Protein backbone atom coordinates (compact mmCIF):
# COMPACT_ATOMS: atom_id res chain seq x y z
CA MET A 1 90.76 103.03 101.88
CA THR A 2 89.88 106.60 101.01
CA LEU A 3 86.50 107.96 99.97
CA TYR A 4 86.62 111.18 97.96
CA ARG A 5 83.32 113.01 98.14
CA GLY A 6 81.77 116.39 97.50
CA ARG A 7 79.34 118.47 99.50
CA GLY A 8 75.74 117.97 98.40
CA CYS A 9 76.49 114.76 96.46
CA SER A 10 73.74 112.19 97.10
CA LEU A 11 75.76 109.38 95.52
CA CYS A 12 78.60 110.29 97.88
CA GLU A 13 76.34 109.98 100.91
CA ARG A 14 75.18 106.57 99.77
CA ALA A 15 78.77 105.40 99.22
CA ARG A 16 79.78 106.81 102.61
CA ALA A 17 77.05 104.84 104.37
CA GLN A 18 78.08 101.62 102.62
CA VAL A 19 81.79 102.06 103.33
CA GLU A 20 81.23 103.07 106.97
CA GLU A 21 79.01 100.03 107.56
CA LEU A 22 81.63 97.69 106.09
CA GLN A 23 84.40 99.46 107.98
CA ARG A 24 82.62 98.86 111.30
CA GLU A 25 82.14 95.21 110.37
CA LEU A 26 85.58 94.47 108.90
CA GLY A 27 87.81 97.03 110.61
CA PHE A 28 89.90 98.26 107.67
CA PRO A 29 91.63 101.68 107.76
CA TYR A 30 89.33 104.35 106.32
CA ALA A 31 89.61 108.06 105.57
CA GLU A 32 87.32 110.57 103.90
CA VAL A 33 88.31 113.54 101.80
CA ASP A 34 85.85 116.31 100.95
CA ILE A 35 87.05 117.78 97.65
CA THR A 36 84.75 120.81 97.90
CA ASP A 37 86.63 124.11 97.59
CA ASP A 38 89.97 122.43 96.75
CA PRO A 39 90.67 123.31 93.09
CA GLU A 40 93.24 120.53 92.61
CA LEU A 41 90.99 117.82 94.05
CA GLU A 42 87.95 119.22 92.24
CA ALA A 43 89.81 118.93 88.92
CA ARG A 44 90.97 115.41 89.69
CA TYR A 45 87.79 113.88 91.15
CA ARG A 46 84.62 115.95 90.54
CA GLU A 47 83.36 114.15 87.42
CA TRP A 48 83.85 110.73 89.03
CA LEU A 49 82.32 111.25 92.49
CA PRO A 50 82.18 109.36 94.66
CA VAL A 51 85.62 107.81 94.25
CA VAL A 52 86.91 105.01 96.47
CA GLU A 53 90.63 104.30 96.40
CA ILE A 54 92.28 101.32 98.01
CA ASP A 55 96.01 101.59 98.62
CA GLY A 56 96.09 104.63 96.34
CA GLU A 57 94.43 102.80 93.44
CA ARG A 58 91.00 103.80 92.16
CA ALA A 59 88.64 100.94 93.00
CA PHE A 60 85.12 102.37 92.54
CA VAL A 61 83.53 105.42 90.95
CA TYR A 62 79.88 106.56 91.03
CA TYR A 63 78.85 103.73 93.36
CA VAL A 64 80.32 101.05 95.63
CA ASP A 65 79.72 97.43 94.69
CA GLU A 66 79.62 95.88 98.15
CA ALA A 67 80.28 92.31 96.99
CA ALA A 68 83.25 93.43 94.88
CA LEU A 69 84.59 95.47 97.80
CA ARG A 70 84.35 92.48 100.12
CA ARG A 71 86.21 90.32 97.59
CA ARG A 72 88.89 92.95 97.14
CA LEU A 73 89.43 93.30 100.89
CA ALA A 74 89.61 89.51 101.32
CA ALA A 75 92.21 89.07 98.56
CA PRO A 76 95.79 88.51 99.78
């Protein structure tokens, strides 16, 4: 799972807290990418922040639905 976030983004901080809490509980691989100052990432992600991708597929934008994330992680 990868969280794309930007500096100063309050929605990103909220998503980060949710994902980190679930990561501690469930133990899935997790990485964070700050898109700030990267023109390519800014162009790709800025209007959608925060963005959560699972296995390279966009799963959530703007907010993380915890129940949906749990279901997705439990699916085979």
